[in-house]
Amino acid sequence: MAAIRAILSGYNPLEEGEGGPYETCERLAGDEVEKLLDKLRNSPYPRLKPHVSGPGMLDTTRRALARAGYDWYDLVRRTIV
């Protein structure tokens, strides 16, 4: 969870700030925003993969973060400090 918080802490201001994708989507939707939201709310729920847990999941998570360019230990240290 600490790694996810650290990653998202950098993205949330970009997404939610002025000129970000949320603002852009709202601007482009204009008067259609409620109609689009209703379509989203009434769309079928996506099929999810089954939950996986076990002793190897932490190592798998660390490797996935490394492939994405993050250092798990650094992310955790930043959220603890």
Protein backbone atom coordinates (compact mmCIF):
# COMPACT_ATOMS: atom_id res chain seq x y z
CA MET A 1 0.00 0.00 0.00
CA ALA A 2 2.87 2.36 0.75
CA ALA A 3 4.24 1.89 -2.77
CA ILE A 4 0.84 2.59 -4.34
CA ARG A 5 0.38 5.72 -2.20
CA ALA A 6 3.83 6.99 -3.19
CA ILE A 7 3.18 6.43 -6.90
CA LEU A 8 -0.27 8.01 -6.85
CA SER A 9 0.86 11.01 -4.80
CA GLY A 10 2.72 12.23 -7.89
CA TYR A 11 -0.08 11.49 -10.33
CA ASN A 12 -3.14 12.77 -8.48
CA PRO A 13 -2.19 16.48 -8.73
CA LEU A 14 -1.48 16.03 -12.45
CA GLU A 15 -4.79 14.31 -13.08
CA GLU A 16 -6.97 16.43 -10.84
CA GLY A 17 -5.23 19.79 -11.28
CA GLU A 18 -5.93 22.61 -13.69
CA GLY A 19 -5.63 21.45 -17.29
CA GLY A 20 -5.53 17.79 -16.22
CA PRO A 21 -7.53 15.01 -17.88
CA TYR A 22 -10.50 15.30 -15.48
CA GLU A 23 -10.96 18.97 -16.31
CA THR A 24 -10.40 18.30 -20.01
CA CYS A 25 -12.99 15.51 -20.08
CA GLU A 26 -15.56 17.69 -18.33
CA ARG A 27 -14.90 20.55 -20.75
CA LEU A 28 -15.15 18.29 -23.82
CA ALA A 29 -18.33 16.63 -22.53
CA GLY A 30 -20.01 19.99 -22.06
CA ASP A 31 -23.78 19.62 -21.71
CA GLU A 32 -23.53 15.88 -22.35
CA VAL A 33 -21.73 15.12 -19.07
CA GLU A 34 -24.79 13.73 -17.25
CA LYS A 35 -25.77 11.61 -20.25
CA LEU A 36 -22.24 10.18 -20.45
CA LEU A 37 -22.15 9.50 -16.71
CA ASP A 38 -25.46 7.63 -16.94
CA LYS A 39 -24.04 5.50 -19.76
CA LEU A 40 -21.01 4.67 -17.64
CA ARG A 41 -23.11 3.86 -14.58
CA ASN A 42 -25.34 1.54 -16.62
CA SER A 43 -22.57 -0.23 -18.53
CA PRO A 44 -21.76 -3.84 -17.67
CA TYR A 45 -19.23 -4.38 -14.94
CA PRO A 46 -15.95 -5.73 -16.35
CA ARG A 47 -14.98 -9.29 -15.58
CA LEU A 48 -12.11 -9.30 -13.10
CA LYS A 49 -9.30 -11.77 -12.74
CA PRO A 50 -9.44 -13.89 -9.59
CA HIS A 51 -7.64 -12.58 -6.52
CA VAL A 52 -4.16 -14.04 -6.11
CA SER A 53 -2.22 -14.05 -2.87
CA GLY A 54 0.51 -16.11 -1.38
CA PRO A 55 4.09 -16.05 -0.24
CA GLY A 56 5.48 -15.05 -3.64
CA MET A 57 3.22 -12.06 -4.25
CA LEU A 58 5.48 -9.49 -2.58
CA ASP A 59 8.40 -10.50 -4.82
CA THR A 60 6.11 -10.41 -7.87
CA THR A 61 4.97 -6.91 -6.87
CA ARG A 62 8.55 -5.72 -6.42
CA ARG A 63 9.50 -7.03 -9.87
CA ALA A 64 6.46 -5.39 -11.49
CA LEU A 65 7.34 -2.06 -9.87
CA ALA A 66 10.95 -2.41 -11.04
CA ARG A 67 9.80 -3.05 -14.62
CA ALA A 68 7.73 0.14 -14.37
CA GLY A 69 10.82 2.06 -13.24
CA TYR A 70 10.12 2.22 -9.50
CA ASP A 71 12.19 1.00 -6.58
CA TRP A 72 9.84 -0.60 -4.04
CA TYR A 73 12.16 0.07 -1.10
CA ASP A 74 12.52 3.74 -2.07
CA LEU A 75 8.74 4.13 -2.40
CA VAL A 76 8.16 2.60 1.03
CA ARG A 77 10.86 4.77 2.65
CA ARG A 78 9.28 7.93 1.19
CA THR A 79 5.88 7.13 2.71
CA ILE A 80 7.28 6.23 6.13
CA VAL A 81 9.40 9.37 6.56
